[in-house]
C-alpha atoms as a PDB file:
ATOM      1  CA  MET A   1       0.000   0.000   0.000  1.00  0.00           C
ATOM      2  CA  ALA A   2       2.848   2.407   0.801  1.00  0.00           C
ATOM      3  CA  ASN A   3       4.329   1.745  -2.636  1.00  0.00           C
ATOM      4  CA  ASP A   4       1.021   2.713  -4.291  1.00  0.00           C
ATOM      5  CA  THR A   5       0.950   5.960  -2.337  1.00  0.00           C
ATOM      6  CA  HIS A   6       4.548   6.693  -3.311  1.00  0.00           C
ATOM      7  CA  THR A   7       3.737   5.983  -6.965  1.00  0.00           C
ATOM      8  CA  MET A   8       0.654   8.215  -6.898  1.00  0.00           C
ATOM      9  CA  LEU A   9       2.600  11.040  -5.272  1.00  0.00           C
ATOM     10  CA  HIS A  10       5.360  10.709  -7.851  1.00  0.00           C
ATOM     11  CA  TYR A  11       2.802  10.798 -10.654  1.00  0.00           C
ATOM     12  CA  GLU A  12       1.080  13.888  -9.235  1.00  0.00           C
ATOM     13  CA  ALA A  13       4.431  15.655  -8.937  1.00  0.00           C
ATOM     14  CA  ALA A  14       5.636  14.760 -12.447  1.00  0.00           C
ATOM     15  CA  LYS A  15       2.479  14.906 -14.570  1.00  0.00           C
ATOM     16  CA  LYS A  16       2.041  17.732 -17.063  1.00  0.00           C
ATOM     17  CA  SER A  17      -0.860  20.171 -17.236  1.00  0.00           C
ATOM     18  CA  THR A  18      -2.640  21.186 -20.418  1.00  0.00           C
ATOM     19  CA  GLY A  19      -3.319  24.637 -18.966  1.00  0.00           C
ATOM     20  CA  ILE A  20       0.332  25.300 -18.208  1.00  0.00           C
ATOM     21  CA  ALA A  21       1.305  24.001 -21.642  1.00  0.00           C
ATOM     22  CA  TYR A  22      -1.107  26.480 -23.258  1.00  0.00           C
ATOM     23  CA  LEU A  23       0.222  29.343 -21.121  1.00  0.00           C
ATOM     24  CA  LEU A  24       3.756  28.501 -22.203  1.00  0.00           C
ATOM     25  CA  TRP A  25       2.554  28.208 -25.806  1.00  0.00           C
ATOM     26  CA  PHE A  26       0.961  31.657 -25.608  1.00  0.00           C
ATOM     27  CA  PHE A  27       3.820  33.494 -23.908  1.00  0.00           C
ATOM     28  CA  PHE A  28       6.877  31.492 -24.999  1.00  0.00           C
ATOM     29  CA  GLY A  29       5.658  29.627 -28.082  1.00  0.00           C
ATOM     30  CA  PRO A  30       8.148  31.027 -30.610  1.00  0.00           C
ATOM     31  CA  ILE A  31      11.065  29.860 -28.471  1.00  0.00           C
ATOM     32  CA  GLY A  32       9.470  26.435 -27.923  1.00  0.00           C
ATOM     33  CA  GLY A  33       8.641  26.899 -24.230  1.00  0.00           C
ATOM     34  CA  HIS A  34       5.652  24.559 -24.353  1.00  0.00           C
ATOM     35  CA  ARG A  35       7.679  21.852 -26.077  1.00  0.00           C
ATOM     36  CA  PHE A  36      10.509  22.090 -23.527  1.00  0.00           C
ATOM     37  CA  TYR A  37       7.885  21.709 -20.783  1.00  0.00           C
ATOM     38  CA  LEU A  38       6.369  18.655 -22.467  1.00  0.00           C
ATOM     39  CA  GLY A  39       9.717  16.920 -22.928  1.00  0.00           C
ATOM     40  CA  ARG A  40       9.953  17.495 -26.667  1.00  0.00           C
ATOM     41  CA  THR A  41      13.415  19.041 -26.435  1.00  0.00           C
ATOM     42  CA  GLY A  42      14.506  18.316 -30.004  1.00  0.00           C
ATOM     43  CA  SER A  43      11.589  20.094 -31.641  1.00  0.00           C
ATOM     44  CA  ALA A  44      11.796  22.891 -29.052  1.00  0.00           C
ATOM     45  CA  VAL A  45      15.404  23.535 -30.034  1.00  0.00           C
ATOM     46  CA  GLY A  46      14.272  23.420 -33.672  1.00  0.00           C
ATOM     47  CA  MET A  47      11.723  26.158 -33.007  1.00  0.00           C
ATOM     48  CA  LEU A  48      14.321  28.246 -31.221  1.00  0.00           C
ATOM     49  CA  VAL A  49      16.835  27.848 -34.051  1.00  0.00           C
ATOM     50  CA  LEU A  50      14.160  28.684 -36.630  1.00  0.00           C
ATOM     51  CA  LEU A  51      13.304  31.852 -34.721  1.00  0.00           C
ATOM     52  CA  VAL A  52      16.933  32.962 -34.439  1.00  0.00           C
ATOM     53  CA  LEU A  53      17.737  32.209 -38.081  1.00  0.00           C
ATOM     54  CA  SER A  54      14.565  33.936 -39.241  1.00  0.00           C
ATOM     55  CA  ALA A  55      15.485  37.020 -37.229  1.00  0.00           C
ATOM     56  CA  LEU A  56      18.991  37.040 -38.685  1.00  0.00           C
ATOM     57  CA  PHE A  57      17.813  36.540 -42.259  1.00  0.00           C
ATOM     58  CA  SER A  58      14.928  38.992 -41.988  1.00  0.00           C
ATOM     59  CA  ILE A  59      17.451  41.709 -42.843  1.00  0.00           C
ATOM     60  CA  VAL A  60      17.542  40.419 -46.415  1.00  0.00           C
ATOM     61  CA  GLY A  61      13.883  39.405 -46.475  1.00  0.00           C
ATOM     62  CA  ILE A  62      14.342  35.637 -46.518  1.00  0.00           C
ATOM     63  CA  GLY A  63      13.619  35.408 -42.792  1.00  0.00           C
ATOM     64  CA  LEU A  64       9.969  36.209 -43.394  1.00  0.00           C
ATOM     65  CA  PHE A  65       9.497  32.674 -44.726  1.00  0.00           C
ATOM     66  CA  GLY A  66      10.954  31.291 -41.496  1.00  0.00           C
ATOM     67  CA  PHE A  67       8.608  33.441 -39.435  1.00  0.00           C
ATOM     68  CA  LEU A  68       5.687  32.212 -41.530  1.00  0.00           C
ATOM     69  CA  ALA A  69       6.753  28.592 -40.973  1.00  0.00           C
ATOM     70  CA  LEU A  70       7.043  29.256 -37.238  1.00  0.00           C
ATOM     71  CA  VAL A  71       3.548  30.786 -37.087  1.00  0.00           C
ATOM     72  CA  ILE A  72       2.099  27.775 -38.912  1.00  0.00           C
ATOM     73  CA  TRP A  73       3.966  25.450 -36.532  1.00  0.00           C
ATOM     74  CA  LEU A  74       2.527  27.330 -33.538  1.00  0.00           C
ATOM     75  CA  ILE A  75      -1.023  27.128 -34.894  1.00  0.00           C
ATOM     76  CA  ILE A  76      -0.661  23.384 -35.426  1.00  0.00           C
ATOM     77  CA  ASP A  77       0.789  23.007 -31.931  1.00  0.00           C
ATOM     78  CA  ALA A  78      -2.305  24.690 -30.487  1.00  0.00           C
ATOM     79  CA  PHE A  79      -4.265  21.639 -31.632  1.00  0.00           C
ATOM     80  CA  LEU A  80      -1.561  19.095 -30.724  1.00  0.00           C
ATOM     81  CA  ILE A  81      -0.959  20.160 -27.112  1.00  0.00           C
ATOM     82  CA  PRO A  82      -3.776  18.104 -25.501  1.00  0.00           C
ATOM     83  CA  GLY A  83      -2.567  14.950 -27.249  1.00  0.00           C
ATOM     84  CA  ILE A  84       1.071  15.565 -26.326  1.00  0.00           C
ATOM     85  CA  VAL A  85       0.125  16.125 -22.669  1.00  0.00           C
ATOM     86  CA  SER A  86      -1.978  12.967 -22.670  1.00  0.00           C
ATOM     87  CA  GLU A  87       0.845  10.966 -24.263  1.00  0.00           C
ATOM     88  CA  PHE A  88       3.374  12.276 -21.738  1.00  0.00           C
ATOM     89  CA  ASN A  89       1.128  11.431 -18.786  1.00  0.00           C
ATOM     90  CA  THR A  90       0.311   7.977 -20.170  1.00  0.00           C
ATOM     91  CA  ASN A  91       4.014   7.219 -20.631  1.00  0.00           C
ATOM     92  CA  LEU A  92       4.630   8.439 -17.083  1.00  0.00           C
ATOM     93  CA  VAL A  93       2.002   6.042 -15.701  1.00  0.00           C
ATOM     94  CA  GLN A  94       3.516   3.162 -17.675  1.00  0.00           C
ATOM     95  CA  SER A  95       7.029   3.951 -16.444  1.00  0.00           C
ATOM     96  CA  LEU A  96       5.841   4.135 -12.836  1.00  0.00           C
ATOM     97  CA  ALA A  97       3.959   0.836 -13.145  1.00  0.00           C
ATOM     98  CA  LYS A  98       7.187  -1.078 -13.837  1.00  0.00           C
END
């Protein structure tokens, strides 16, 4: 019984929240804040690199395409966040059950 309590406490401490993910998406979306929070570090770094390169290349006008790609990525992420949170929490339950 004590092990179940420990497992539940660990789950409650480590699970991710959809609300927090959306707040991070809203305020820190272009730098991948929501993806860092959800454990998607590779794609979060990709968003950050895309933002930096777009800013650098916006001087010659090419960066506008990068900004457009980033905006599209953010819009798509708005719909993907609930599924990513659910997947993270499901994987957490499975890892704790072992």
